[in-house]
Amino acid sequence: MLRTISTPFFLLFFLCFFAKNALAQNRDISYMSSGGKLHPLQANMDIRHYTIILDVDIDKKTIAGFTEIDMILSKPSDTILLDLVYLLKIEKVKANDKPVNFQHVKDKIYITSTGPFQAGKQKITIYYGGEPPVAVKPPWFGGFTWTKDRSGNPWVAINCQKEGGRLYFPCKDHPSDEPNEGVDLFITVPASLVVAGPGLLMDVKTKKEKKTFHWKTNYTISNYCILFNIGKYEVISKDYKTIDGNIVPIQYYVLQEDTAQAKKIIELKERDSRVLEKYFGEYPWVKEKIGIAAVPNPGMEHQTMITFQNKFDYTDIGGQPYSANLFHEYAHEWFANKVTNKDWAHMWIQEGIATYAEALIHFELGGQAAYDDLINRHRRSIRAKKPMVGAEELSEDETYNGNDIYTKGSFFMHSLRYVLGDEIFLPTLKKLATDPKYTYDQFVTTQDVEQLFSMEAKQDLKPLFDFYTRTNDVLDIAVKEVGAGKFSIKLNNFFMALPMDITTEKGTTKMLIPKEGITVQSAFPPQVDLKNNYLKKISIQ
């Protein structure tokens, strides 16, 4: 018989408090960051398709089911390596319908068999379940958000850009590999609720007090966009005719309590579509939908079902209502979802150009003054804590630098536009968004974008791209009096000829400043780049 030892209340409280906090710490996923250096075992894999079948227990805040991963191995391998957060428990794994051995260690699933996996097609099925991570600060620190709408109905949102799809389903969690043949999602929820997902809603089946929603996309899709949201949704729909004449539905999954707001959101979506198609070409997913889902956190660019925080606040631009949340995420359908970074190291491409798209719609709604005002706000917000592109094969955490990949990326597009002129810049930007070399199944890097603009401009723009993306430098411009009424203008730290607005008593002229500099006549020290087309500092000597 064991002897019972009484525990003082304060000590019992301390032990319970410690255990609770230890459990919370054990569920910490702040270390998780998608991407990084690709493991050789995963470099051997080409993901073709995911099928995700899950039952969501909202009361218990758990998920249970299985995921099928169709892949092609480029060569035989003793091990298949997949990713899944350690918090979810794997029950069993099958390879080509046969049970196989596995180890689930530190978010990695090592799958082995009695013999090597042969090159070619493989189907891996993983049965799992448990409590997925809870979001701390969505969408920046992701996970599941289990909440209720104002009417008390369950409302569930998922965000996982930082952590990757492994946060809730087994996958190859790297931005360089998307399922070329798409995804099928079968999500079961209480019958009173609706699931909003990517692609097309193929079927809804009711069994007892539950409904299973089958969402399907045949397009390639990033792992962090393979997700769903659950709510007491109404679907408000209106057909939209694209710039190329195709009909695609705008579908707004709005909370039932907010249906009165839906008409205005749909109208904004139509207008924003016309602006984005003008600059970037036809909406990328015409075979599916233009989707919007209301969520309780700031929005995200989830493919064909962007999310929108249902705070119906609008900014007035040129007398028209504008939602930065709604527009920015929608611009990502072109830059992020259609034009996708090969590596998180080049995240500025999707974030910077989507942010620059905001300047373009400011121009469309409020003219040049509205464009200039926003671009200047972007310029003033640049912190230059680290270069936008620090290295290659970086994780999301390693490359994310706060505002700079957004606002410096946008301002770089503005500078590039000034250098090239609209007649080259705008068609080239549209080509980046429409040419099959850069879209859908393809992936891009900073070098790809630079080479495209250099080719179209018929000049080497690498020095400019490197200066903006790979350094924190600003142009060091020296203005020096070299004689009576004569001043030299020279770029001390940049050795590519750049056009520059030079202002003298005679007015403003756009002049080309070669590496050796130029001399201008002026009654006073000439003013350089008054409109701030560049990041710069000026010294007058």
Protein backbone atom coordinates (compact mmCIF):
# COMPACT_ATOMS: atom_id res chain seq x y z
CA MET A 1 0.00 0.00 0.00
CA LEU A 2 1.23 3.47 -0.92
CA ARG A 3 1.31 6.09 1.72
CA THR A 4 -0.78 9.21 0.98
CA ILE A 5 0.95 12.53 1.48
CA SER A 6 -1.19 15.63 1.88
CA THR A 7 -0.15 18.58 -0.31
CA PRO A 8 -0.45 22.18 0.93
CA PHE A 9 -2.97 24.20 -1.11
CA PHE A 10 -0.44 26.76 -2.29
CA LEU A 11 1.88 24.02 -3.53
CA LEU A 12 -1.00 22.27 -5.29
CA PHE A 13 -1.92 25.58 -6.95
CA PHE A 14 1.71 26.08 -8.03
CA LEU A 15 1.96 22.56 -9.47
CA CYS A 16 -1.32 22.97 -11.37
CA PHE A 17 -0.23 26.38 -12.70
CA PHE A 18 3.15 24.98 -13.77
CA ALA A 19 1.55 21.98 -15.47
CA LYS A 20 -0.93 24.19 -17.32
CA ASN A 21 1.79 26.49 -18.57
CA ALA A 22 4.07 23.58 -19.44
CA LEU A 23 1.25 22.16 -21.55
CA ALA A 24 0.77 25.52 -23.25
CA GLN A 25 4.50 25.72 -23.93
CA ASN A 26 4.47 22.18 -25.31
CA ARG A 27 1.85 23.35 -27.82
CA ASP A 28 3.97 26.28 -28.95
CA ILE A 29 4.52 26.45 -32.72
CA SER A 30 6.15 29.87 -32.92
CA TYR A 31 9.32 28.19 -34.19
CA MET A 32 7.52 26.87 -37.28
CA SER A 33 8.29 28.61 -40.55
CA SER A 34 7.48 27.37 -44.02
CA GLY A 35 10.18 26.85 -46.64
CA GLY A 36 13.91 27.06 -46.11
CA LYS A 37 16.50 24.71 -47.54
CA LEU A 38 14.82 21.85 -49.37
CA HIS A 39 15.65 18.44 -47.91
CA PRO A 40 17.17 16.03 -50.50
CA LEU A 41 14.45 13.46 -49.76
CA GLN A 42 11.83 16.06 -50.67
CA ALA A 43 13.75 17.31 -53.69
CA ASN A 44 13.15 13.81 -55.05
CA MET A 45 9.37 14.30 -54.85
CA ASP A 46 6.98 16.04 -57.25
CA ILE A 47 3.59 16.49 -55.58
CA ARG A 48 0.72 15.99 -57.98
CA HIS A 49 -2.46 16.00 -55.89
CA TYR A 50 -3.81 16.18 -52.34
CA THR A 51 -7.08 14.69 -51.12
CA ILE A 52 -7.93 15.90 -47.62
CA ILE A 53 -10.85 14.25 -45.80
CA LEU A 54 -11.57 15.62 -42.34
CA ASP A 55 -14.33 15.71 -39.75
CA VAL A 56 -14.22 18.94 -37.74
CA ASP A 57 -15.50 18.65 -34.17
CA ILE A 58 -16.13 22.25 -33.24
CA ASP A 59 -17.08 21.55 -29.61
CA LYS A 60 -13.86 19.63 -28.96
CA LYS A 61 -11.79 21.78 -31.33
CA THR A 62 -10.38 18.72 -33.04
CA ILE A 63 -9.99 17.33 -36.53
CA ALA A 64 -9.88 13.69 -37.62
CA GLY A 65 -9.53 11.91 -40.94
CA PHE A 66 -6.87 11.28 -43.55
CA THR A 67 -4.92 12.85 -46.38
CA GLU A 68 -3.88 11.17 -49.64
CA ILE A 69 -0.77 12.51 -51.34
CA ASP A 70 -0.16 11.59 -54.97
CA MET A 71 3.43 12.16 -55.97
CA ILE A 72 6.12 11.18 -58.45
CA LEU A 73 9.56 10.14 -57.24
CA SER A 74 12.34 11.06 -59.63
CA LYS A 75 14.46 8.13 -58.40
CA PRO A 76 14.11 5.19 -55.98
CA SER A 77 14.26 6.06 -52.30
CA ASP A 78 14.35 4.16 -49.02
CA THR A 79 12.38 6.94 -47.34
CA ILE A 80 9.56 9.31 -48.18
CA LEU A 81 9.62 12.47 -46.10
CA LEU A 82 6.50 14.54 -45.41
CA ASP A 83 5.61 17.30 -42.97
CA LEU A 84 2.93 17.44 -40.27
CA VAL A 85 2.89 19.39 -37.00
CA TYR A 86 3.84 17.19 -34.06
CA LEU A 87 0.65 18.12 -32.19
CA LEU A 88 -1.46 15.89 -34.43
CA LYS A 89 -1.29 12.16 -33.84
CA ILE A 90 -0.77 9.80 -36.77
CA GLU A 91 -2.64 6.50 -36.45
CA LYS A 92 -1.34 4.71 -39.53
CA VAL A 93 0.26 5.22 -42.91
CA LYS A 94 -0.26 3.41 -46.20
CA ALA A 95 1.81 3.46 -49.35
CA ASN A 96 -0.08 2.39 -52.46
CA ASP A 97 -2.81 0.94 -50.17
CA LYS A 98 -0.38 -1.17 -48.13
CA PRO A 99 0.56 -0.45 -44.49
CA VAL A 100 4.09 0.87 -44.04
CA ASN A 101 6.30 1.93 -41.16
CA PHE A 102 6.62 5.53 -40.10
CA GLN A 103 8.16 7.79 -37.50
CA HIS A 104 6.66 11.15 -36.62
CA VAL A 105 9.48 13.26 -35.19
CA LYS A 106 9.59 17.06 -34.83
CA ASP A 107 6.96 17.81 -37.48
CA LYS A 108 8.54 15.31 -39.90
CA ILE A 109 7.04 12.01 -41.07
CA TYR A 110 9.67 9.47 -42.13
CA ILE A 111 7.95 6.71 -44.11
CA THR A 112 9.76 3.44 -44.84
CA SER A 113 8.83 0.07 -46.33
CA THR A 114 10.33 -3.41 -46.61
CA GLY A 115 11.91 -2.38 -49.89
CA PRO A 116 12.75 0.93 -51.53
CA PHE A 117 10.05 3.10 -53.04
CA GLN A 118 10.48 2.92 -56.79
CA ALA A 119 10.76 5.89 -59.11
CA GLY A 120 7.41 6.97 -60.51
CA LYS A 121 3.96 7.34 -59.05
CA GLN A 122 3.34 6.83 -55.34
CA LYS A 123 0.19 7.28 -53.28
CA ILE A 124 0.69 7.90 -49.58
CA THR A 125 -2.31 7.87 -47.22
CA ILE A 126 -1.92 9.20 -43.69
CA TYR A 127 -4.62 8.77 -41.04
CA TYR A 128 -4.39 11.29 -38.24
CA GLY A 129 -6.23 13.60 -35.89
CA GLY A 130 -6.17 15.65 -32.73
CA GLU A 131 -6.14 19.29 -31.69
CA PRO A 132 -4.54 21.46 -34.37
CA PRO A 133 -2.58 24.54 -33.25
CA VAL A 134 -4.63 27.52 -32.18
CA ALA A 135 -3.81 30.81 -33.87
CA VAL A 136 -2.10 33.36 -31.63
CA LYS A 137 -2.26 36.42 -33.88
CA PRO A 138 -3.84 35.43 -37.18
CA PRO A 139 -3.00 35.67 -39.99
CA TRP A 140 0.63 36.49 -39.07
CA PHE A 141 0.93 33.74 -36.47
CA GLY A 142 -1.33 31.06 -37.77
CA GLY A 143 -3.43 28.15 -36.67
CA PHE A 144 -7.12 27.52 -36.12
CA THR A 145 -9.32 30.30 -34.77
CA TRP A 146 -12.32 28.86 -32.93
CA THR A 147 -14.74 31.67 -32.21
CA LYS A 148 -18.36 32.75 -32.63
CA ASP A 149 -20.04 35.43 -34.70
CA ARG A 150 -22.12 38.18 -33.07
CA SER A 151 -25.17 35.94 -33.15
CA GLY A 152 -23.38 33.19 -31.24
CA ASN A 153 -22.87 30.81 -34.18
CA PRO A 154 -19.59 28.86 -34.46
CA TRP A 155 -17.03 30.53 -36.69
CA VAL A 156 -13.77 28.78 -37.60
CA ALA A 157 -10.88 30.25 -39.59
CA ILE A 158 -7.53 28.77 -40.64
CA ASN A 159 -4.35 30.71 -41.42
CA CYS A 160 -0.97 29.10 -42.14
CA GLN A 161 1.20 31.21 -44.44
CA LYS A 162 3.99 31.43 -41.86
CA GLU A 163 3.75 27.83 -40.66
CA GLY A 164 2.71 26.16 -43.92
CA GLY A 165 0.07 23.56 -44.70
CA ARG A 166 1.68 21.07 -42.29
CA LEU A 167 -0.15 22.96 -39.58
CA TYR A 168 -3.16 20.73 -40.27
CA PHE A 169 -2.48 18.28 -43.13
CA PRO A 170 0.48 16.07 -44.18
CA CYS A 171 2.30 17.60 -47.13
CA LYS A 172 5.58 18.50 -48.73
CA ASP A 173 5.75 21.90 -47.11
CA HIS A 174 7.89 23.95 -49.45
CA PRO A 175 6.87 26.83 -51.76
CA SER A 176 8.71 25.32 -54.73
CA ASP A 177 6.25 22.44 -55.16
CA GLU A 178 2.53 22.82 -55.66
CA PRO A 179 0.09 20.01 -56.51
CA ASN A 180 -0.04 20.26 -60.31
CA GLU A 181 -3.34 18.38 -60.49
CA GLY A 182 -5.02 20.30 -57.72
CA VAL A 183 -6.72 19.40 -54.48
CA ASP A 184 -9.92 17.75 -53.25
CA LEU A 185 -11.23 18.76 -49.83
CA PHE A 186 -14.01 16.81 -48.08
CA ILE A 187 -14.83 18.68 -44.89
CA THR A 188 -17.56 17.49 -42.51
CA VAL A 189 -19.18 19.98 -40.12
CA PRO A 190 -22.45 20.39 -38.18
CA ALA A 191 -25.36 20.60 -40.61
CA SER A 192 -26.23 24.17 -39.62
CA LEU A 193 -22.88 25.49 -40.86
CA VAL A 194 -21.25 26.09 -44.24
CA VAL A 195 -17.68 25.39 -45.41
CA ALA A 196 -15.98 27.92 -47.72
CA GLY A 197 -13.08 26.46 -49.68
CA PRO A 198 -10.87 26.75 -52.77
CA GLY A 199 -12.02 25.99 -56.29
CA LEU A 200 -15.52 24.72 -57.01
CA LEU A 201 -18.11 23.32 -54.63
CA MET A 202 -18.74 19.92 -56.19
CA ASP A 203 -21.21 18.44 -53.73
CA VAL A 204 -22.80 18.75 -50.30
CA LYS A 205 -23.96 15.57 -48.61
CA THR A 206 -26.08 15.44 -45.46
CA LYS A 207 -25.89 12.54 -43.04
CA LYS A 208 -27.75 12.70 -39.73
CA GLU A 209 -26.81 16.07 -38.22
CA LYS A 210 -23.73 16.69 -40.34
CA LYS A 211 -22.87 17.95 -43.80
CA THR A 212 -19.82 17.12 -45.92
CA PHE A 213 -18.68 19.80 -48.37
CA HIS A 214 -16.59 18.67 -51.33
CA TRP A 215 -14.40 21.48 -52.67
CA LYS A 216 -12.19 20.85 -55.70
CA THR A 217 -9.58 22.85 -57.58
CA ASN A 218 -7.80 21.59 -60.67
CA TYR A 219 -5.31 24.45 -60.63
CA THR A 220 -1.93 24.41 -58.93
CA ILE A 221 -2.19 25.96 -55.48
CA SER A 222 0.21 26.94 -52.70
CA ASN A 223 0.11 24.84 -49.53
CA TYR A 224 -0.87 27.78 -47.36
CA CYS A 225 -3.91 28.39 -49.59
CA ILE A 226 -5.16 24.81 -49.19
CA LEU A 227 -7.59 25.42 -46.36
CA PHE A 228 -11.18 26.16 -45.47
CA ASN A 229 -13.30 28.39 -43.26
CA ILE A 230 -16.51 27.48 -41.45
CA GLY A 231 -19.37 29.75 -40.51
CA LYS A 232 -23.06 30.52 -40.64
CA TYR A 233 -22.59 31.76 -44.18
CA GLU A 234 -24.96 32.92 -46.86
CA VAL A 235 -23.61 32.82 -50.42
CA ILE A 236 -24.24 36.01 -52.38
CA SER A 237 -23.33 35.54 -56.03
CA LYS A 238 -23.16 37.60 -59.20
CA ASP A 239 -21.62 36.77 -62.56
CA TYR A 240 -18.68 38.83 -63.77
CA LYS A 241 -17.57 39.15 -67.41
CA THR A 242 -13.78 39.19 -67.60
CA ILE A 243 -11.64 41.36 -69.84
CA ASP A 244 -11.38 38.38 -72.23
CA GLY A 245 -15.13 37.77 -72.27
CA ASN A 246 -15.32 34.80 -69.91
CA ILE A 247 -18.06 34.56 -67.30
CA VAL A 248 -16.94 33.78 -63.75
CA PRO A 249 -19.10 34.05 -60.61
CA ILE A 250 -18.25 36.40 -57.78
CA GLN A 251 -19.26 34.45 -54.66
CA TYR A 252 -19.27 36.13 -51.26
CA TYR A 253 -19.49 33.80 -48.26
CA VAL A 254 -20.86 36.39 -45.88
CA LEU A 255 -22.14 35.79 -42.36
CA GLN A 256 -25.93 35.63 -42.29
CA GLU A 257 -25.96 38.55 -39.89
CA ASP A 258 -24.07 40.72 -42.42
CA THR A 259 -25.98 40.01 -45.64
CA ALA A 260 -27.06 43.65 -45.85
CA GLN A 261 -23.38 44.51 -46.52
CA ALA A 262 -22.97 42.03 -49.37
CA LYS A 263 -24.19 44.16 -52.28
CA LYS A 264 -21.55 46.83 -51.70
CA ILE A 265 -18.75 44.25 -51.38
CA ILE A 266 -19.80 42.64 -54.67
CA GLU A 267 -19.82 46.05 -56.38
CA LEU A 268 -16.33 46.80 -55.07
CA LYS A 269 -15.18 43.40 -56.28
CA GLU A 270 -16.46 44.10 -59.79
CA ARG A 271 -14.71 47.46 -59.93
CA ASP A 272 -11.47 46.10 -58.46
CA SER A 273 -11.55 43.27 -60.99
CA ARG A 274 -11.66 45.72 -63.87
CA VAL A 275 -8.69 47.67 -62.49
CA LEU A 276 -6.57 44.59 -61.82
CA GLU A 277 -7.38 43.08 -65.23
CA LYS A 278 -6.35 46.35 -66.90
CA TYR A 279 -2.84 46.12 -65.47
CA PHE A 280 -2.31 42.38 -64.94
CA GLY A 281 -4.52 40.63 -67.47
CA GLU A 282 -7.56 38.41 -67.10
CA TYR A 283 -8.57 37.09 -63.68
CA PRO A 284 -6.44 33.94 -63.30
CA TRP A 285 -9.05 31.39 -62.15
CA VAL A 286 -11.89 31.83 -64.65
CA LYS A 287 -12.80 28.13 -64.56
CA GLU A 288 -13.65 28.39 -60.87
CA LYS A 289 -14.73 31.56 -59.04
CA ILE A 290 -13.90 34.94 -57.60
CA GLY A 291 -14.42 34.00 -53.96
CA ILE A 292 -14.55 35.97 -50.72
CA ALA A 293 -15.04 34.49 -47.24
CA ALA A 294 -15.73 36.53 -44.11
CA VAL A 295 -13.27 35.75 -41.31
CA PRO A 296 -12.61 37.17 -37.82
CA ASN A 297 -9.04 38.28 -38.63
CA PRO A 298 -7.33 40.45 -41.27
CA GLY A 299 -7.64 38.94 -44.72
CA MET A 300 -5.38 36.58 -46.66
CA GLU A 301 -4.85 35.72 -50.32
CA HIS A 302 -6.33 32.22 -50.20
CA GLN A 303 -6.67 31.21 -53.84
CA THR A 304 -10.18 31.66 -55.30
CA MET A 305 -11.48 32.33 -51.77
CA ILE A 306 -9.62 35.31 -50.39
CA THR A 307 -10.60 36.14 -46.84
CA PHE A 308 -11.99 39.46 -45.69
CA GLN A 309 -12.25 40.70 -42.13
CA ASN A 310 -15.87 41.74 -41.96
CA LYS A 311 -15.28 45.26 -40.75
CA PHE A 312 -17.12 47.26 -43.33
CA ASP A 313 -15.00 50.39 -43.10
CA TYR A 314 -14.03 52.17 -46.29
CA THR A 315 -11.59 54.89 -47.30
CA ASP A 316 -12.78 57.60 -49.68
CA ILE A 317 -10.57 57.97 -52.79
CA GLY A 318 -11.78 60.35 -55.45
CA GLY A 319 -15.28 60.12 -54.03
CA GLN A 320 -15.34 56.32 -54.23
CA PRO A 321 -15.22 53.76 -51.40
CA TYR A 322 -12.08 51.64 -51.10
CA SER A 323 -11.06 48.75 -48.84
CA ALA A 324 -7.30 48.14 -48.68
CA ASN A 325 -7.90 44.77 -47.00
CA LEU A 326 -10.21 43.60 -49.77
CA PHE A 327 -8.11 44.97 -52.64
CA HIS A 328 -4.63 43.93 -51.50
CA GLU A 329 -5.61 40.29 -50.96
CA TYR A 330 -7.40 40.26 -54.29
CA ALA A 331 -4.27 41.57 -56.08
CA HIS A 332 -2.53 38.46 -54.74
CA GLU A 333 -4.66 36.30 -57.02
CA TRP A 334 -2.24 37.51 -59.71
CA PHE A 335 0.93 38.03 -57.65
CA ALA A 336 1.34 35.18 -55.14
CA ASN A 337 -1.21 32.71 -56.48
CA LYS A 338 -0.65 32.92 -60.24
CA VAL A 339 2.91 34.33 -60.18
CA THR A 340 4.48 32.42 -57.30
CA ASN A 341 7.87 32.75 -55.62
CA LYS A 342 10.07 29.70 -55.94
CA ASP A 343 11.53 30.47 -52.55
CA TRP A 344 10.38 32.66 -49.64
CA ALA A 345 13.64 34.58 -50.14
CA HIS A 346 11.86 36.35 -53.00
CA MET A 347 8.69 37.16 -51.08
CA TRP A 348 8.97 40.83 -52.05
CA ILE A 349 7.76 39.92 -55.55
CA GLN A 350 4.31 38.91 -54.38
CA GLU A 351 4.00 41.37 -51.51
CA GLY A 352 5.70 44.34 -53.18
CA ILE A 353 3.79 44.12 -56.46
CA ALA A 354 0.46 43.50 -54.71
CA THR A 355 1.18 46.62 -52.63
CA TYR A 356 2.10 48.54 -55.78
CA ALA A 357 -1.26 47.48 -57.20
CA GLU A 358 -2.79 49.59 -54.45
CA ALA A 359 -1.04 52.63 -55.93
CA LEU A 360 -2.46 51.75 -59.34
CA ILE A 361 -6.04 51.70 -58.08
CA HIS A 362 -5.40 54.94 -56.18
CA PHE A 363 -4.49 56.42 -59.57
CA GLU A 364 -7.61 54.98 -61.18
CA LEU A 365 -9.88 56.36 -58.46
CA GLY A 366 -8.15 59.58 -57.42
CA GLY A 367 -5.73 60.48 -60.21
CA GLN A 368 -2.02 61.26 -60.01
CA ALA A 369 -2.27 63.07 -56.69
CA ALA A 370 -3.74 59.99 -54.98
CA TYR A 371 -1.06 57.78 -56.55
CA ASP A 372 1.74 60.13 -55.47
CA ASP A 373 0.38 60.39 -51.93
CA LEU A 374 0.32 56.61 -51.44
CA ILE A 375 3.75 56.06 -53.00
CA ASN A 376 5.19 58.71 -50.69
CA ARG A 377 3.60 56.97 -47.72
CA HIS A 378 5.23 53.73 -48.86
CA ARG A 379 8.59 55.51 -49.16
CA ARG A 380 8.34 57.05 -45.69
CA SER A 381 7.51 53.71 -44.09
CA ILE A 382 10.68 51.93 -45.31
CA ARG A 383 12.83 50.89 -42.33
CA ALA A 384 15.76 49.19 -44.15
CA LYS A 385 16.48 46.77 -41.31
CA LYS A 386 17.68 44.17 -43.80
CA PRO A 387 17.69 43.70 -47.59
CA MET A 388 14.51 42.45 -49.21
CA VAL A 389 16.49 39.51 -50.63
CA GLY A 390 19.02 38.33 -48.05
CA ALA A 391 20.05 34.98 -49.54
CA GLU A 392 18.52 31.96 -51.25
CA GLU A 393 16.45 29.08 -49.82
CA LEU A 394 15.14 31.02 -46.84
CA SER A 395 12.19 30.25 -44.63
CA GLU A 396 9.27 32.63 -44.35
CA ASP A 397 10.59 33.88 -40.99
CA GLU A 398 14.08 34.46 -42.36
CA THR A 399 12.94 36.64 -45.23
CA TYR A 400 10.00 38.42 -43.63
CA ASN A 401 11.13 41.92 -42.67
CA GLY A 402 7.97 43.66 -41.63
CA ASN A 403 6.80 46.42 -43.93
CA ASP A 404 9.78 46.59 -46.30
CA ILE A 405 8.88 43.67 -48.55
CA TYR A 406 5.55 45.46 -48.98
CA THR A 407 6.40 49.14 -49.13
CA LYS A 408 9.98 49.04 -50.40
CA GLY A 409 8.87 46.45 -52.93
CA SER A 410 6.13 48.82 -54.05
CA PHE A 411 8.46 51.82 -54.14
CA PHE A 412 10.97 49.82 -56.19
CA MET A 413 8.24 49.24 -58.77
CA HIS A 414 7.62 52.99 -58.78
CA SER A 415 11.34 53.73 -59.31
CA LEU A 416 11.56 51.11 -62.06
CA ARG A 417 8.54 52.66 -63.74
CA TYR A 418 10.23 56.07 -63.68
CA VAL A 419 13.44 54.63 -65.15
CA LEU A 420 11.71 52.75 -67.97
CA GLY A 421 8.67 54.90 -68.65
CA ASP A 422 5.10 53.66 -68.88
CA GLU A 423 5.52 52.45 -72.47
CA ILE A 424 7.95 49.74 -71.29
CA PHE A 425 7.13 49.25 -67.61
CA LEU A 426 3.37 48.66 -67.77
CA PRO A 427 3.40 46.10 -70.64
CA THR A 428 6.31 44.27 -69.00
CA LEU A 429 4.51 44.10 -65.67
CA LYS A 430 1.48 42.66 -67.47
CA LYS A 431 3.74 40.18 -69.29
CA LEU A 432 5.08 38.97 -65.94
CA ALA A 433 1.49 38.29 -64.90
CA THR A 434 0.39 36.61 -68.13
CA ASP A 435 3.32 34.83 -69.81
CA PRO A 436 3.20 31.03 -69.21
CA LYS A 437 6.95 31.20 -68.52
CA TYR A 438 6.20 32.86 -65.17
CA THR A 439 2.73 31.65 -64.19
CA TYR A 440 0.72 28.72 -62.80
CA ASP A 441 3.05 25.66 -62.82
CA GLN A 442 6.14 27.87 -63.03
CA PHE A 443 7.92 29.66 -60.19
CA VAL A 444 9.88 32.92 -60.19
CA THR A 445 12.86 34.49 -58.46
CA THR A 446 14.20 38.04 -58.37
CA GLN A 447 16.59 37.08 -61.17
CA ASP A 448 13.69 35.99 -63.38
CA VAL A 449 11.91 39.31 -62.87
CA GLU A 450 15.10 41.27 -63.51
CA GLN A 451 15.90 39.36 -66.69
CA LEU A 452 12.39 39.94 -68.03
CA PHE A 453 12.52 43.69 -67.44
CA SER A 454 16.09 43.88 -68.81
CA MET A 455 15.03 42.03 -71.96
CA GLU A 456 12.00 44.23 -72.56
CA ALA A 457 13.94 47.43 -71.79
CA LYS A 458 16.93 46.32 -73.88
CA GLN A 459 19.32 47.34 -71.10
CA ASP A 460 21.00 45.66 -68.16
CA LEU A 461 18.89 46.43 -65.10
CA LYS A 462 20.68 44.04 -62.76
CA PRO A 463 22.54 46.85 -60.94
CA LEU A 464 19.23 48.56 -60.17
CA PHE A 465 17.55 45.33 -59.05
CA ASP A 466 20.51 44.40 -56.86
CA PHE A 467 20.67 47.89 -55.35
CA TYR A 468 17.01 47.86 -54.31
CA THR A 469 16.54 44.21 -53.41
CA ARG A 470 19.91 43.03 -52.09
CA THR A 471 21.15 46.13 -50.21
CA ASN A 472 19.80 48.70 -47.78
CA ASP A 473 21.61 51.50 -49.60
CA VAL A 474 20.07 54.70 -50.92
CA LEU A 475 21.46 56.74 -53.79
CA ASP A 476 24.23 59.05 -52.63
CA ILE A 477 23.88 62.09 -54.90
CA ALA A 478 26.54 64.81 -54.79
CA VAL A 479 25.81 68.29 -56.15
CA LYS A 480 29.01 70.38 -56.37
CA GLU A 481 29.67 73.88 -57.66
CA VAL A 482 32.48 73.61 -60.21
CA GLY A 483 32.44 77.13 -61.66
CA ALA A 484 30.36 80.24 -62.00
CA GLY A 485 26.82 79.01 -62.57
CA LYS A 486 28.08 75.46 -63.12
CA PHE A 487 27.30 72.42 -60.98
CA SER A 488 28.28 68.78 -61.26
CA ILE A 489 25.78 66.07 -60.34
CA LYS A 490 27.19 62.63 -59.61
CA LEU A 491 26.00 59.36 -58.09
CA ASN A 492 28.73 58.38 -55.63
CA ASN A 493 27.59 54.82 -54.92
CA PHE A 494 25.84 53.72 -58.12
CA PHE A 495 27.50 53.11 -61.45
CA MET A 496 24.64 52.60 -63.87
CA ALA A 497 23.33 55.56 -65.84
CA LEU A 498 20.01 56.69 -64.35
CA PRO A 499 17.48 59.27 -65.50
CA MET A 500 16.88 62.00 -62.97
CA ASP A 501 14.65 65.08 -62.73
CA ILE A 502 16.92 68.12 -62.47
CA THR A 503 15.32 71.44 -61.51
CA THR A 504 17.01 74.80 -62.27
CA GLU A 505 15.63 78.31 -62.76
CA LYS A 506 14.65 77.18 -66.26
CA GLY A 507 12.36 74.44 -64.98
CA THR A 508 12.58 70.67 -64.56
CA THR A 509 14.23 68.40 -67.12
CA LYS A 510 14.64 64.63 -67.06
CA MET A 511 18.36 64.02 -67.66
CA LEU A 512 20.44 60.85 -67.88
CA ILE A 513 23.15 60.80 -65.20
CA PRO A 514 26.04 58.56 -66.34
CA LYS A 515 28.52 57.07 -63.89
CA GLU A 516 30.95 59.95 -64.45
CA GLY A 517 28.20 62.47 -63.68
CA ILE A 518 27.04 65.54 -65.59
CA THR A 519 27.51 69.30 -65.40
CA VAL A 520 24.56 71.67 -65.61
CA GLN A 521 24.17 75.44 -65.84
CA SER A 522 22.12 76.94 -63.02
CA ALA A 523 21.85 80.20 -61.13
CA PHE A 524 21.45 78.23 -57.91
CA PRO A 525 22.32 74.69 -56.79
CA PRO A 526 20.08 72.46 -58.93
CA GLN A 527 17.44 70.44 -57.14
CA VAL A 528 17.53 66.73 -57.85
CA ASP A 529 14.56 64.33 -57.90
CA LEU A 530 12.09 66.68 -56.24
CA LYS A 531 9.25 64.20 -56.70
CA ASN A 532 11.14 61.43 -54.89
CA ASN A 533 11.28 58.82 -57.63
CA TYR A 534 14.28 57.26 -55.85
CA LEU A 535 15.48 56.41 -52.38
CA LYS A 536 18.31 58.89 -51.95
CA LYS A 537 20.34 61.33 -49.91
CA ILE A 538 21.78 64.54 -51.40
CA SER A 539 24.89 66.45 -50.40
CA ILE A 540 25.53 69.96 -51.72
CA GLN A 541 29.18 70.98 -51.79
